Amino acid sequence: QVQVVESGGGLVQAGGSLRLSCAASGRFFSIAEMGWYRQAPGKQRELVATISRGGRTNYADAVKGRFTISRDNSKNMAYLQMNSLKIEDTAVYYCAADCGQTDGTRRTWGQGTQVTVSS
């Protein structure tokens, strides 16, 4: 079984910064892609950023230049550095990890961490 746990959310003023962390644990061989997604009230979950095991990154247009995704393969962790936060960044942020297991690679989601940006 695989567990994914996010941390680092909170309340921040517009223009401020937050750093989210994602930790994957359990029984798996390795983690391929890791990613951050978010869901605002009344909206669908959307991609924020992804990173491959080799470090190739992909960002949503809305966060390019403000957010940076990174990972530490030795610790099975991913991070999301969020700078110049805007009110519209308010959402629950979810981490996803594609973990290689005995029966194939499966995506595991965390429970989410709330990020609230105030004016």
Protein backbone atom coordinates (compact mmCIF):
# COMPACT_ATOMS: atom_id res chain seq x y z
CA GLN A 1 0.00 0.00 0.00
CA VAL A 2 1.16 3.50 -0.83
CA GLN A 3 0.49 6.67 1.13
CA VAL A 4 0.92 10.23 -0.07
CA VAL A 5 0.81 13.06 2.44
CA GLU A 6 0.90 16.80 1.72
CA SER A 7 1.94 19.50 4.15
CA GLY A 8 2.74 23.19 4.19
CA GLY A 9 -0.57 24.78 3.33
CA GLY A 10 -1.97 27.73 5.19
CA LEU A 11 -3.16 31.32 5.05
CA VAL A 12 -0.99 33.91 3.32
CA GLN A 13 -1.47 37.42 2.02
CA ALA A 14 -1.45 38.15 -1.67
CA GLY A 15 2.11 38.54 -2.89
CA GLY A 16 3.43 36.16 -0.27
CA SER A 17 5.01 32.72 -0.54
CA LEU A 18 4.35 29.19 0.64
CA ARG A 19 6.21 25.91 0.18
CA LEU A 20 4.24 22.69 -0.04
CA SER A 21 5.77 19.29 0.60
CA CYS A 22 4.62 15.86 -0.53
CA ALA A 23 5.88 12.62 0.99
CA ALA A 24 5.24 9.19 -0.51
CA SER A 25 5.71 6.06 1.55
CA GLY A 26 4.80 2.39 1.49
CA ARG A 27 5.52 -0.53 -0.79
CA PHE A 28 6.70 0.53 -4.24
CA PHE A 29 9.83 0.20 -6.37
CA SER A 30 10.16 3.77 -7.56
CA ILE A 31 8.14 6.85 -8.38
CA ALA A 32 7.80 7.98 -11.96
CA GLU A 33 5.91 11.25 -12.27
CA MET A 34 4.93 13.37 -9.28
CA GLY A 35 2.58 16.26 -9.57
CA TRP A 36 0.62 18.97 -7.87
CA TYR A 37 -3.01 19.64 -8.66
CA ARG A 38 -5.53 22.00 -7.13
CA GLN A 39 -9.25 22.35 -6.76
CA ALA A 40 -10.97 25.61 -5.93
CA PRO A 41 -14.55 25.73 -4.60
CA GLY A 42 -17.04 25.02 -7.36
CA LYS A 43 -14.33 24.17 -9.88
CA GLN A 44 -12.79 21.00 -11.25
CA ARG A 45 -9.41 19.75 -10.15
CA GLU A 46 -6.69 21.16 -12.39
CA LEU A 47 -3.04 20.52 -13.01
CA VAL A 48 -0.57 22.89 -11.39
CA ALA A 49 2.80 21.30 -12.12
CA THR A 50 4.38 17.92 -12.74
CA ILE A 51 7.92 16.60 -12.58
CA SER A 52 9.37 13.40 -14.00
CA ARG A 53 11.82 11.21 -12.18
CA GLY A 54 14.56 12.75 -14.31
CA GLY A 55 13.50 16.27 -13.43
CA ARG A 56 11.55 17.33 -16.50
CA THR A 57 8.88 19.80 -15.43
CA ASN A 58 5.56 21.00 -16.77
CA TYR A 59 3.51 23.94 -15.51
CA ALA A 60 0.05 25.31 -15.97
CA ASP A 61 0.13 28.67 -17.70
CA ALA A 62 -1.48 30.31 -14.66
CA VAL A 63 1.51 29.52 -12.44
CA LYS A 64 4.46 29.75 -14.83
CA GLY A 65 7.14 32.05 -13.49
CA ARG A 66 5.65 32.02 -9.98
CA PHE A 67 5.66 28.37 -8.89
CA THR A 68 8.55 25.90 -8.93
CA ILE A 69 8.20 22.15 -8.58
CA SER A 70 11.10 20.01 -7.41
CA ARG A 71 11.67 16.55 -6.00
CA ASP A 72 14.14 14.53 -3.97
CA ASN A 73 14.16 10.97 -5.29
CA SER A 74 16.23 9.73 -2.34
CA LYS A 75 13.46 10.81 0.05
CA ASN A 76 10.47 10.09 -2.20
CA MET A 77 9.38 13.69 -1.81
CA ALA A 78 8.18 16.51 -4.03
CA TYR A 79 7.90 20.20 -3.31
CA LEU A 80 6.03 23.17 -4.68
CA GLN A 81 7.50 26.60 -4.03
CA MET A 82 4.78 29.17 -4.58
CA ASN A 83 5.77 32.82 -4.88
CA SER A 84 3.81 35.95 -5.73
CA LEU A 85 0.63 34.25 -4.64
CA LYS A 86 -2.66 35.59 -5.92
CA ILE A 87 -6.16 35.35 -4.48
CA GLU A 88 -7.10 33.05 -7.35
CA ASP A 89 -4.47 30.55 -6.16
CA THR A 90 -6.76 29.75 -3.24
CA ALA A 91 -7.60 26.06 -3.43
CA VAL A 92 -7.01 22.65 -1.95
CA TYR A 93 -3.69 21.43 -3.32
CA TYR A 94 -3.26 17.73 -3.97
CA CYS A 95 -0.11 15.74 -4.62
CA ALA A 96 -0.11 12.72 -6.90
CA ALA A 97 2.60 10.10 -7.19
CA ASP A 98 2.84 7.44 -9.92
CA CYS A 99 4.37 4.54 -8.02
CA GLY A 100 5.70 1.34 -9.53
CA GLN A 101 4.24 -1.65 -7.70
CA THR A 102 4.24 -5.40 -8.31
CA ASP A 103 1.14 -5.20 -10.50
CA GLY A 104 2.14 -2.09 -12.41
CA THR A 105 2.33 1.66 -11.97
CA ARG A 106 -0.56 3.31 -10.18
CA ARG A 107 -1.33 6.88 -9.25
CA THR A 108 -1.86 7.59 -5.57
CA TRP A 109 -3.38 10.85 -4.36
CA GLY A 110 -2.89 12.63 -1.10
CA GLN A 111 -5.72 14.05 0.99
CA GLY A 112 -4.88 17.63 0.07
CA THR A 113 -3.72 20.73 1.89
CA GLN A 114 -5.62 24.01 1.95
CA VAL A 115 -3.97 27.14 0.59
CA THR A 116 -5.81 30.39 1.20
CA VAL A 117 -4.58 33.68 -0.21
CA SER A 118 -6.11 36.81 1.29
CA SER A 119 -6.12 40.38 0.05
